[in-house]
C-alpha atoms as a PDB file:
ATOM      1  CA  MET A   1     108.124  74.827 111.659  1.00  0.00           C
ATOM      2  CA  HIS A   2     110.002  77.181 109.363  1.00  0.00           C
ATOM      3  CA  VAL A   3     113.579  78.598 110.272  1.00  0.00           C
ATOM      4  CA  PHE A   4     115.604  81.270 108.982  1.00  0.00           C
ATOM      5  CA  THR A   5     118.993  82.663 110.442  1.00  0.00           C
ATOM      6  CA  ARG A   6     120.790  86.036 109.876  1.00  0.00           C
ATOM      7  CA  GLU A   7     123.858  87.751 111.099  1.00  0.00           C
ATOM      8  CA  LEU A   8     124.137  91.327 110.766  1.00  0.00           C
ATOM      9  CA  ASP A   9     127.070  93.883 111.976  1.00  0.00           C
ATOM     10  CA  ALA A  10     126.506  96.737 114.364  1.00  0.00           C
ATOM     11  CA  VAL A  11     128.230  99.906 114.316  1.00  0.00           C
ATOM     12  CA  PRO A  12     130.764 100.221 117.145  1.00  0.00           C
ATOM     13  CA  PRO A  13     131.138 100.501 120.191  1.00  0.00           C
ATOM     14  CA  TYR A  14     127.803  98.172 120.553  1.00  0.00           C
ATOM     15  CA  SER A  15     126.599  96.835 123.963  1.00  0.00           C
ATOM     16  CA  PHE A  16     124.179  94.259 123.211  1.00  0.00           C
ATOM     17  CA  GLU A  17     123.306  93.488 126.715  1.00  0.00           C
ATOM     18  CA  LEU A  18     122.623  96.905 127.883  1.00  0.00           C
ATOM     19  CA  THR A  19     120.807  97.842 124.837  1.00  0.00           C
ATOM     20  CA  VAL A  20     118.304  94.811 125.118  1.00  0.00           C
ATOM     21  CA  HIS A  21     118.399  94.604 128.625  1.00  0.00           C
ATOM     22  CA  ASN A  22     119.456  97.571 130.183  1.00  0.00           C
ATOM     23  CA  PRO A  23     120.195  98.592 133.917  1.00  0.00           C
ATOM     24  CA  ALA A  24     116.474 100.488 134.183  1.00  0.00           C
ATOM     25  CA  GLY A  25     114.714  97.173 133.399  1.00  0.00           C
ATOM     26  CA  TRP A  26     113.057  98.027 130.486  1.00  0.00           C
ATOM     27  CA  TYR A  27     112.149  95.347 128.381  1.00  0.00           C
ATOM     28  CA  TRP A  28     113.145  95.405 124.390  1.00  0.00           C
ATOM     29  CA  HIS A  29     110.157  94.012 122.648  1.00  0.00           C
ATOM     30  CA  ASN A  30     107.282  93.563 125.211  1.00  0.00           C
ATOM     31  CA  PRO A  31     107.136  92.605 129.147  1.00  0.00           C
ATOM     32  CA  LEU A  32     106.625  89.178 128.385  1.00  0.00           C
ATOM     33  CA  GLU A  33     109.530  88.310 126.252  1.00  0.00           C
ATOM     34  CA  VAL A  34     112.362  86.235 127.760  1.00  0.00           C
ATOM     35  CA  TYR A  35     115.910  87.255 128.428  1.00  0.00           C
ATOM     36  CA  SER A  36     118.632  85.100 129.861  1.00  0.00           C
ATOM     37  CA  LYS A  37     122.424  85.042 129.459  1.00  0.00           C
ATOM     38  CA  GLY A  38     122.452  87.253 126.589  1.00  0.00           C
ATOM     39  CA  THR A  39     119.643  86.116 124.658  1.00  0.00           C
ATOM     40  CA  VAL A  40     116.423  87.335 124.052  1.00  0.00           C
ATOM     41  CA  TRP A  41     113.328  85.408 122.802  1.00  0.00           C
ATOM     42  CA  ALA A  42     110.395  87.527 121.505  1.00  0.00           C
ATOM     43  CA  ALA A  43     106.960  87.015 119.556  1.00  0.00           C
ATOM     44  CA  LEU A  44     105.559  89.473 117.039  1.00  0.00           C
ATOM     45  CA  HIS A  45     103.375  89.776 114.168  1.00  0.00           C
ATOM     46  CA  LEU A  46     104.605  90.733 111.062  1.00  0.00           C
ATOM     47  CA  PHE A  47     102.447  93.295 109.035  1.00  0.00           C
ATOM     48  CA  SER A  48     101.111  90.535 107.148  1.00  0.00           C
ATOM     49  CA  GLY A  49      99.722  88.912 110.166  1.00  0.00           C
ATOM     50  CA  LYS A  50     102.065  86.163 110.502  1.00  0.00           C
ATOM     51  CA  LEU A  51     103.173  84.898 113.976  1.00  0.00           C
ATOM     52  CA  VAL A  52     106.745  84.456 114.359  1.00  0.00           C
ATOM     53  CA  GLY A  53     109.424  83.727 117.321  1.00  0.00           C
ATOM     54  CA  LEU A  54     112.468  85.741 117.208  1.00  0.00           C
ATOM     55  CA  ARG A  55     115.781  84.639 119.223  1.00  0.00           C
ATOM     56  CA  LEU A  56     118.407  87.622 119.356  1.00  0.00           C
ATOM     57  CA  GLU A  57     121.764  86.974 120.635  1.00  0.00           C
ATOM     58  CA  SER A  58     125.516  88.738 120.226  1.00  0.00           C
ATOM     59  CA  ARG A  59     128.287  86.792 118.436  1.00  0.00           C
ATOM     60  CA  GLY A  60     130.830  89.730 118.527  1.00  0.00           C
ATOM     61  CA  SER A  61     132.483  92.051 120.962  1.00  0.00           C
ATOM     62  CA  MET A  62     132.107  95.655 121.864  1.00  0.00           C
ATOM     63  CA  GLU A  63     134.359  96.657 118.929  1.00  0.00           C
ATOM     64  CA  LYS A  64     133.337  94.154 116.303  1.00  0.00           C
ATOM     65  CA  PRO A  65     129.736  93.609 117.167  1.00  0.00           C
ATOM     66  CA  LYS A  66     127.906  90.985 115.377  1.00  0.00           C
ATOM     67  CA  ILE A  67     124.186  90.267 115.990  1.00  0.00           C
ATOM     68  CA  THR A  68     122.586  86.758 115.118  1.00  0.00           C
ATOM     69  CA  PHE A  69     118.869  86.114 115.104  1.00  0.00           C
ATOM     70  CA  ASN A  70     116.891  83.011 114.200  1.00  0.00           C
ATOM     71  CA  VAL A  71     113.279  83.515 113.233  1.00  0.00           C
ATOM     72  CA  LEU A  72     110.647  80.818 113.520  1.00  0.00           C
ATOM     73  CA  SER A  73     107.448  80.648 111.917  1.00  0.00           C
ATOM     74  CA  ARG A  74     104.452  77.965 111.430  1.00  0.00           C
ATOM     75  CA  GLN A  75     103.874  79.432 107.838  1.00  0.00           C
ATOM     76  CA  LYS A  76     106.903  79.856 105.265  1.00  0.00           C
ATOM     77  CA  LEU A  77     108.137  83.718 105.205  1.00  0.00           C
ATOM     78  CA  THR A  78     108.287  85.266 101.632  1.00  0.00           C
ATOM     79  CA  SER A  79     111.428  87.513 100.923  1.00  0.00           C
ATOM     80  CA  LYS A  80     109.387  90.583 101.705  1.00  0.00           C
ATOM     81  CA  GLU A  81     108.483  89.236 104.916  1.00  0.00           C
ATOM     82  CA  GLU A  82     112.136  88.510 105.695  1.00  0.00           C
ATOM     83  CA  ARG A  83     113.448  91.885 104.589  1.00  0.00           C
ATOM     84  CA  GLU A  84     110.953  93.319 107.164  1.00  0.00           C
ATOM     85  CA  ILE A  85     112.281  91.261 109.837  1.00  0.00           C
ATOM     86  CA  ASP A  86     115.807  92.262 108.954  1.00  0.00           C
ATOM     87  CA  GLU A  87     114.764  95.936 109.094  1.00  0.00           C
ATOM     88  CA  LEU A  88     113.054  95.488 112.492  1.00  0.00           C
ATOM     89  CA  VAL A  89     116.140  94.153 114.203  1.00  0.00           C
ATOM     90  CA  VAL A  90     118.318  96.643 112.550  1.00  0.00           C
ATOM     91  CA  SER A  91     115.957  99.558 113.756  1.00  0.00           C
ATOM     92  CA  GLY A  92     114.978  97.549 117.049  1.00  0.00           C
ATOM     93  CA  ALA A  93     118.141  96.662 118.230  1.00  0.00           C
ATOM     94  CA  ALA A  94     119.826  99.909 116.889  1.00  0.00           C
ATOM     95  CA  LEU A  95     122.478  98.508 114.881  1.00  0.00           C
ATOM     96  CA  ASP A  96     123.300 101.450 112.863  1.00  0.00           C
ATOM     97  CA  GLU A  97     123.345 104.114 115.580  1.00  0.00           C
ATOM     98  CA  ASP A  98     126.345 105.847 115.731  1.00  0.00           C
ATOM     99  CA  VAL A  99     126.986 106.650 119.507  1.00  0.00           C
ATOM    100  CA  LEU A 100     130.227 107.837 119.178  1.00  0.00           C
ATOM    101  CA  GLU A 101     128.842 111.174 117.727  1.00  0.00           C
ATOM    102  CA  PHE A 102     126.331 111.610 120.375  1.00  0.00           C
ATOM    103  CA  TYR A 103     129.500 110.750 122.931  1.00  0.00           C
ATOM    104  CA  GLU A 104     131.696 113.674 120.901  1.00  0.00           C
ATOM    105  CA  ALA A 105     128.787 115.972 121.278  1.00  0.00           C
ATOM    106  CA  VAL A 106     128.160 115.714 125.235  1.00  0.00           C
ATOM    107  CA  ARG A 107     131.820 114.751 126.348  1.00  0.00           C
ATOM    108  CA  SER A 108     131.912 117.811 128.503  1.00  0.00           C
ATOM    109  CA  ASP A 109     128.151 117.589 129.838  1.00  0.00           C
ATOM    110  CA  SER A 110     128.129 118.170 133.477  1.00  0.00           C
ATOM    111  CA  VAL A 111     125.709 115.062 133.774  1.00  0.00           C
ATOM    112  CA  LEU A 112     126.537 112.760 131.142  1.00  0.00           C
ATOM    113  CA  LYS A 113     130.295 112.788 131.561  1.00  0.00           C
ATOM    114  CA  HIS A 114     129.787 110.638 134.539  1.00  0.00           C
ATOM    115  CA  VAL A 115     126.852 108.288 133.004  1.00  0.00           C
ATOM    116  CA  ILE A 116     128.646 107.139 129.462  1.00  0.00           C
ATOM    117  CA  PRO A 117     131.815 105.271 130.971  1.00  0.00           C
ATOM    118  CA  ARG A 118     129.442 103.064 132.830  1.00  0.00           C
ATOM    119  CA  LEU A 119     126.795 102.691 129.995  1.00  0.00           C
ATOM    120  CA  TYR A 120     129.359 102.726 127.194  1.00  0.00           C
ATOM    121  CA  GLY A 121     127.997 101.157 123.908  1.00  0.00           C
ATOM    122  CA  MET A 122     124.449 101.322 124.822  1.00  0.00           C
ATOM    123  CA  ARG A 123     121.494 102.476 122.564  1.00  0.00           C
ATOM    124  CA  ARG A 124     118.066 103.039 122.832  1.00  0.00           C
ATOM    125  CA  GLY A 125     117.126  99.796 121.301  1.00  0.00           C
ATOM    126  CA  THR A 126     113.334  98.842 121.266  1.00  0.00           C
ATOM    127  CA  THR A 127     111.049  97.378 118.710  1.00  0.00           C
ATOM    128  CA  LEU A 128     108.122  99.242 120.185  1.00  0.00           C
ATOM    129  CA  ASN A 129     108.783 102.335 117.402  1.00  0.00           C
ATOM    130  CA  THR A 130     108.053  99.931 114.539  1.00  0.00           C
ATOM    131  CA  HIS A 131     104.326  99.852 115.149  1.00  0.00           C
ATOM    132  CA  ILE A 132     102.188 102.705 116.571  1.00  0.00           C
ATOM    133  CA  PHE A 133      99.839 100.664 118.499  1.00  0.00           C
ATOM    134  CA  ASN A 134     102.547  99.365 120.741  1.00  0.00           C
ATOM    135  CA  SER A 135     103.915 102.668 121.496  1.00  0.00           C
ATOM    136  CA  ALA A 136     100.545 104.073 122.315  1.00  0.00           C
ATOM    137  CA  ILE A 137      99.866 101.334 124.639  1.00  0.00           C
ATOM    138  CA  LEU A 138     103.017 102.031 126.688  1.00  0.00           C
ATOM    139  CA  ALA A 139     102.221 105.701 126.552  1.00  0.00           C
ATOM    140  CA  LEU A 140      98.737 105.437 127.923  1.00  0.00           C
ATOM    141  CA  THR A 141      99.772 102.983 130.868  1.00  0.00           C
ATOM    142  CA  LEU A 142     102.582 105.484 131.824  1.00  0.00           C
ATOM    143  CA  GLN A 143     100.063 108.159 132.263  1.00  0.00           C
ATOM    144  CA  ASN A 144      99.394 108.784 136.117  1.00  0.00           C
ATOM    145  CA  ALA A 145     101.077 105.649 137.026  1.00  0.00           C
ATOM    146  CA  PRO A 146     104.347 104.524 138.811  1.00  0.00           C
ATOM    147  CA  ILE A 147     106.304 102.176 137.075  1.00  0.00           C
ATOM    148  CA  LYS A 148     105.259  99.127 139.119  1.00  0.00           C
ATOM    149  CA  ARG A 149     101.403  99.825 138.156  1.00  0.00           C
ATOM    150  CA  THR A 150     102.222 100.487 134.283  1.00  0.00           C
ATOM    151  CA  ASN A 151     104.187  97.181 134.463  1.00  0.00           C
ATOM    152  CA  GLN A 152     100.960  95.394 135.895  1.00  0.00           C
ATOM    153  CA  MET A 153      98.899  96.856 133.282  1.00  0.00           C
ATOM    154  CA  LEU A 154     101.268  96.104 130.408  1.00  0.00           C
ATOM    155  CA  GLU A 155     101.626  92.579 131.200  1.00  0.00           C
ATOM    156  CA  LEU A 156      97.888  91.936 131.647  1.00  0.00           C
ATOM    157  CA  ILE A 157      97.083  93.631 128.294  1.00  0.00           C
ATOM    158  CA  VAL A 158      99.782  91.633 126.598  1.00  0.00           C
ATOM    159  CA  LYS A 159      98.688  88.056 128.334  1.00  0.00           C
ATOM    160  CA  ASN A 160      94.948  88.651 127.921  1.00  0.00           C
ATOM    161  CA  TYR A 161      94.828  90.184 124.014  1.00  0.00           C
ATOM    162  CA  GLY A 162      98.419  89.199 122.641  1.00  0.00           C
ATOM    163  CA  ASP A 163      98.901  85.876 121.098  1.00  0.00           C
ATOM    164  CA  LYS A 164     100.976  83.181 122.791  1.00  0.00           C
ATOM    165  CA  PHE A 165     104.040  81.450 120.645  1.00  0.00           C
ATOM    166  CA  THR A 166     106.451  78.844 122.453  1.00  0.00           C
ATOM    167  CA  PHE A 167     109.829  78.109 120.819  1.00  0.00           C
ATOM    168  CA  ASP A 168     113.050  77.064 122.355  1.00  0.00           C
ATOM    169  CA  GLY A 169     111.059  75.878 125.459  1.00  0.00           C
ATOM    170  CA  LYS A 170     110.375  79.255 126.035  1.00  0.00           C
ATOM    171  CA  THR A 171     106.718  81.057 126.252  1.00  0.00           C
ATOM    172  CA  THR A 172     106.545  84.433 124.900  1.00  0.00           C
ATOM    173  CA  TYR A 173     103.509  87.029 123.568  1.00  0.00           C
ATOM    174  CA  THR A 174     102.626  89.141 121.103  1.00  0.00           C
ATOM    175  CA  TRP A 175     101.550  92.870 121.528  1.00  0.00           C
ATOM    176  CA  PRO A 176      97.818  92.722 120.964  1.00  0.00           C
ATOM    177  CA  LYS A 177      96.572  93.753 117.293  1.00  0.00           C
ATOM    178  CA  PRO A 178      94.430  96.765 117.089  1.00  0.00           C
ATOM    179  CA  GLU A 179      91.720  94.816 115.763  1.00  0.00           C
ATOM    180  CA  THR A 180      91.423  92.755 118.836  1.00  0.00           C
ATOM    181  CA  ILE A 181      91.259  95.563 121.499  1.00  0.00           C
ATOM    182  CA  MET A 182      88.762  97.352 118.868  1.00  0.00           C
ATOM    183  CA  ASN A 183      86.534  94.230 119.222  1.00  0.00           C
ATOM    184  CA  THR A 184      86.748  93.957 122.940  1.00  0.00           C
ATOM    185  CA  SER A 185      84.483  95.987 124.981  1.00  0.00           C
ATOM    186  CA  VAL A 186      85.716  98.928 127.263  1.00  0.00           C
ATOM    187  CA  GLU A 187      84.308  97.177 130.274  1.00  0.00           C
ATOM    188  CA  ASP A 188      85.909  93.774 129.598  1.00  0.00           C
ATOM    189  CA  LEU A 189      89.292  95.438 128.755  1.00  0.00           C
ATOM    190  CA  ALA A 190      89.424  97.843 131.865  1.00  0.00           C
ATOM    191  CA  GLN A 191      88.363  94.824 134.159  1.00  0.00           C
ATOM    192  CA  ARG A 192      90.605  92.409 132.965  1.00  0.00           C
ATOM    193  CA  CYS A 193      93.540  94.570 132.324  1.00  0.00           C
ATOM    194  CA  LYS A 194      93.111  96.770 135.162  1.00  0.00           C
ATOM    195  CA  VAL A 195      93.606  99.850 133.234  1.00  0.00           C
ATOM    196  CA  GLY A 196      90.588 102.292 134.177  1.00  0.00           C
ATOM    197  CA  TYR A 197      89.799 105.251 132.183  1.00  0.00           C
ATOM    198  CA  ARG A 198      92.664 104.096 129.700  1.00  0.00           C
ATOM    199  CA  ALA A 199      90.575 101.220 128.262  1.00  0.00           C
ATOM    200  CA  ARG A 200      88.318 103.976 126.193  1.00  0.00           C
ATOM    201  CA  TYR A 201      91.258 105.341 124.857  1.00  0.00           C
ATOM    202  CA  LEU A 202      92.988 102.201 123.935  1.00  0.00           C
ATOM    203  CA  GLN A 203      89.817 101.036 122.041  1.00  0.00           C
ATOM    204  CA  SER A 204      89.728 104.505 120.046  1.00  0.00           C
ATOM    205  CA  ILE A 205      93.454 104.324 119.256  1.00  0.00           C
ATOM    206  CA  ALA A 206      92.732 100.744 118.027  1.00  0.00           C
ATOM    207  CA  LYS A 207      89.931 101.827 115.820  1.00  0.00           C
ATOM    208  CA  THR A 208      91.681 104.517 114.593  1.00  0.00           C
ATOM    209  CA  ILE A 209      94.675 102.595 113.548  1.00  0.00           C
ATOM    210  CA  ASN A 210      92.551  99.778 111.980  1.00  0.00           C
ATOM    211  CA  GLU A 211      90.630 102.259 110.112  1.00  0.00           C
ATOM    212  CA  GLY A 212      93.991 103.627 108.369  1.00  0.00           C
ATOM    213  CA  SER A 213      92.969 107.109 109.764  1.00  0.00           C
ATOM    214  CA  CYS A 214      96.265 108.082 111.189  1.00  0.00           C
ATOM    215  CA  PRO A 215      99.525 107.892 109.763  1.00  0.00           C
ATOM    216  CA  SER A 216     101.877 104.533 110.337  1.00  0.00           C
ATOM    217  CA  MET A 217     105.066 104.712 112.431  1.00  0.00           C
ATOM    218  CA  LYS A 218     106.869 104.761 109.443  1.00  0.00           C
ATOM    219  CA  GLU A 219     105.045 107.926 107.950  1.00  0.00           C
ATOM    220  CA  LEU A 220     105.565 109.495 111.399  1.00  0.00           C
ATOM    221  CA  ARG A 221     109.333 108.883 111.390  1.00  0.00           C
ATOM    222  CA  GLN A 222     109.603 110.643 108.087  1.00  0.00           C
ATOM    223  CA  MET A 223     107.824 113.925 109.143  1.00  0.00           C
ATOM    224  CA  PRO A 224     109.611 116.645 110.979  1.00  0.00           C
ATOM    225  CA  PHE A 225     109.461 116.294 114.854  1.00  0.00           C
ATOM    226  CA  GLU A 226     106.991 118.996 115.594  1.00  0.00           C
ATOM    227  CA  GLU A 227     104.621 117.780 112.665  1.00  0.00           C
ATOM    228  CA  ALA A 228     104.998 114.181 113.785  1.00  0.00           C
ATOM    229  CA  LYS A 229     104.121 115.243 117.590  1.00  0.00           C
ATOM    230  CA  ALA A 230     101.036 117.185 116.225  1.00  0.00           C
ATOM    231  CA  GLU A 231      99.717 114.151 114.492  1.00  0.00           C
ATOM    232  CA  ALA A 232     100.278 111.750 117.428  1.00  0.00           C
ATOM    233  CA  MET A 233      98.355 114.384 119.722  1.00  0.00           C
ATOM    234  CA  LYS A 234      95.364 114.028 117.318  1.00  0.00           C
ATOM    235  CA  LEU A 235      94.863 110.399 118.814  1.00  0.00           C
ATOM    236  CA  LYS A 236      92.267 110.141 121.985  1.00  0.00           C
ATOM    237  CA  GLY A 237      93.784 110.373 125.252  1.00  0.00           C
ATOM    238  CA  VAL A 238      97.502 111.327 123.861  1.00  0.00           C
ATOM    239  CA  GLY A 239      98.915 114.715 124.811  1.00  0.00           C
ATOM    240  CA  GLU A 240     102.345 116.156 124.527  1.00  0.00           C
ATOM    241  CA  TYR A 241     104.138 113.692 127.002  1.00  0.00           C
ATOM    242  CA  SER A 242     102.107 110.588 125.646  1.00  0.00           C
ATOM    243  CA  ALA A 243     103.176 111.622 122.164  1.00  0.00           C
ATOM    244  CA  GLU A 244     106.811 111.957 122.668  1.00  0.00           C
ATOM    245  CA  ILE A 245     106.942 108.493 124.065  1.00  0.00           C
ATOM    246  CA  ILE A 246     105.128 107.154 120.861  1.00  0.00           C
ATOM    247  CA  LEU A 247     107.386 108.842 118.473  1.00  0.00           C
ATOM    248  CA  PRO A 248     110.656 107.187 117.328  1.00  0.00           C
ATOM    249  CA  HIS A 249     112.256 110.762 116.915  1.00  0.00           C
ATOM    250  CA  GLY A 250     115.732 111.497 118.773  1.00  0.00           C
ATOM    251  CA  GLU A 251     114.639 115.023 119.507  1.00  0.00           C
ATOM    252  CA  ALA A 252     111.574 113.568 121.930  1.00  0.00           C
ATOM    253  CA  PHE A 253     111.945 113.916 125.711  1.00  0.00           C
ATOM    254  CA  PRO A 254     109.143 112.634 127.122  1.00  0.00           C
ATOM    255  CA  ILE A 255     109.159 114.078 130.907  1.00  0.00           C
ATOM    256  CA  ASP A 256     106.144 113.916 133.501  1.00  0.00           C
ATOM    257  CA  ILE A 257     106.319 115.773 136.837  1.00  0.00           C
ATOM    258  CA  TRP A 258     108.422 113.045 138.563  1.00  0.00           C
ATOM    259  CA  SER A 259     111.061 113.220 135.724  1.00  0.00           C
ATOM    260  CA  ALA A 260     110.890 116.805 135.489  1.00  0.00           C
ATOM    261  CA  GLN A 261     112.135 116.854 139.360  1.00  0.00           C
ATOM    262  CA  ILE A 262     115.075 114.790 138.561  1.00  0.00           C
ATOM    263  CA  PHE A 263     116.085 116.413 135.661  1.00  0.00           C
ATOM    264  CA  TRP A 264     115.743 119.864 137.418  1.00  0.00           C
ATOM    265  CA  LYS A 265     118.064 118.774 140.233  1.00  0.00           C
ATOM    266  CA  LEU A 266     120.621 117.492 137.622  1.00  0.00           C
ATOM    267  CA  PHE A 267     120.369 120.974 135.859  1.00  0.00           C
ATOM    268  CA  PHE A 268     120.065 123.257 138.501  1.00  0.00           C
ATOM    269  CA  PRO A 269     121.511 121.771 141.645  1.00  0.00           C
ATOM    270  CA  LYS A 270     121.685 124.944 143.566  1.00  0.00           C
ATOM    271  CA  LYS A 271     117.980 126.278 142.479  1.00  0.00           C
ATOM    272  CA  PRO A 272     114.680 125.090 144.143  1.00  0.00           C
ATOM    273  CA  THR A 273     112.178 123.223 142.137  1.00  0.00           C
ATOM    274  CA  PRO A 274     109.235 125.831 140.646  1.00  0.00           C
ATOM    275  CA  SER A 275     106.240 125.536 142.777  1.00  0.00           C
ATOM    276  CA  SER A 276     104.440 125.182 139.229  1.00  0.00           C
ATOM    277  CA  LYS A 277     105.485 121.703 137.836  1.00  0.00           C
ATOM    278  CA  LEU A 278     104.058 122.838 134.461  1.00  0.00           C
ATOM    279  CA  GLU A 279     106.759 125.700 134.340  1.00  0.00           C
ATOM    280  CA  ALA A 280     109.656 122.956 135.847  1.00  0.00           C
ATOM    281  CA  ILE A 281     108.493 120.900 132.937  1.00  0.00           C
ATOM    282  CA  LYS A 282     108.798 123.730 130.333  1.00  0.00           C
ATOM    283  CA  VAL A 283     112.285 125.104 131.759  1.00  0.00           C
ATOM    284  CA  VAL A 284     113.743 121.208 131.847  1.00  0.00           C
ATOM    285  CA  LYS A 285     112.508 120.574 128.323  1.00  0.00           C
ATOM    286  CA  GLU A 286     114.125 123.685 126.986  1.00  0.00           C
ATOM    287  CA  THR A 287     117.311 123.351 128.912  1.00  0.00           C
ATOM    288  CA  ALA A 288     117.795 119.572 127.598  1.00  0.00           C
ATOM    289  CA  GLU A 289     117.268 120.839 123.832  1.00  0.00           C
ATOM    290  CA  LYS A 290     119.690 123.589 124.468  1.00  0.00           C
ATOM    291  CA  HIS A 291     122.398 121.130 125.977  1.00  0.00           C
ATOM    292  CA  TRP A 292     121.359 118.059 124.221  1.00  0.00           C
ATOM    293  CA  GLY A 293     120.041 118.984 120.979  1.00  0.00           C
ATOM    294  CA  LYS A 294     119.005 116.340 118.538  1.00  0.00           C
ATOM    295  CA  TRP A 295     120.411 113.780 121.323  1.00  0.00           C
ATOM    296  CA  ARG A 296     117.947 114.555 123.943  1.00  0.00           C
ATOM    297  CA  ARG A 297     116.121 111.223 123.672  1.00  0.00           C
ATOM    298  CA  LEU A 298     119.289 109.176 123.887  1.00  0.00           C
ATOM    299  CA  ALA A 299     120.473 111.385 126.956  1.00  0.00           C
ATOM    300  CA  PHE A 300     117.136 110.964 128.792  1.00  0.00           C
ATOM    301  CA  VAL A 301     117.321 107.001 128.239  1.00  0.00           C
ATOM    302  CA  TYR A 302     121.339 107.359 129.862  1.00  0.00           C
ATOM    303  CA  VAL A 303     120.172 109.398 132.641  1.00  0.00           C
ATOM    304  CA  LEU A 304     117.284 107.083 133.775  1.00  0.00           C
ATOM    305  CA  CYS A 305     119.457 103.922 133.066  1.00  0.00           C
ATOM    306  CA  ASP A 306     122.115 105.350 135.519  1.00  0.00           C
ATOM    307  CA  LEU A 307     119.651 107.349 137.828  1.00  0.00           C
ATOM    308  CA  GLY A 308     120.822 105.460 141.140  1.00  0.00           C
ATOM    309  CA  ASN A 309     124.487 106.620 140.460  1.00  0.00           C
ATOM    310  CA  LEU A 310     123.710 110.087 139.610  1.00  0.00           C
ATOM    311  CA  ALA A 311     121.232 110.418 142.605  1.00  0.00           C
ATOM    312  CA  LYS A 312     124.379 109.635 144.743  1.00  0.00           C
ATOM    313  CA  LYS A 313     126.726 112.048 142.777  1.00  0.00           C
ATOM    314  CA  PHE A 314     124.032 114.485 142.863  1.00  0.00           C
ATOM    315  CA  ARG A 315     122.539 113.912 146.453  1.00  0.00           C
ATOM    316  CA  ILE A 316     119.280 113.309 144.928  1.00  0.00           C
ATOM    317  CA  GLN A 317     116.199 112.169 146.852  1.00  0.00           C
ATOM    318  CA  LEU A 318     114.363 109.527 144.540  1.00  0.00           C
END
């Protein structure tokens, strides 16, 4: 087994634990990663196809944050592959994101002023946005499903079609490769992973990505938000809501009918929710853009990670 270690600085303030293991229970890499006492273990494929295990932990403090990670691989990694992992950790753990700018921009906001003290230093850390297929899997499984059902589908997809990697006595799994899903029958995918209609869309997207017929996540990241969203919506089964889940852009605000009702009550506590759910979504998205601008994706994450406290504060029935 080959091993290499890095130590990287993060822009303060930085809460490693809240970033990789936030109060909403969202995973950092995928649902079968392992988290324990401030350390996360995950398995992933590099763009070369090599399988590696990644152990990530904090060695610093909120104001002097340092992140250490160890990478284990069965094959020796090239310097290019090591740089790929460095970039993945920096972006995936949001080490270079300046949340103080965000805090200053929303310091008088009627909602976030209650949230930030409890989630101080938290970033929107996720490695999902390094590969479009991983994000597309999440987006499709969130469609028309409660979180418990989404998590069931995700775990089955990762366990059945991802690659297993055991290190440090921990067993983790990668996200499946597009070619693995592309070469699986729709019937098998639907049955083994309980994904229903989503199976044909997963296979179609896998084929599109494998053929190079859609932009990479890196290419999408470099596009203006609306242009990137239009590109993502060319994928079968991906509408506006799913596209905004897929995209890494800070302007994305991926709300469905359920979350639109929550944000409506936060934005307009004295107004009844419109009978038209589509109208509620439209107004909430416009209001979020007005209130939070380029920070609305991070604001979305902060609100959902503190929803229990906000529900009590604003008397919202969840």
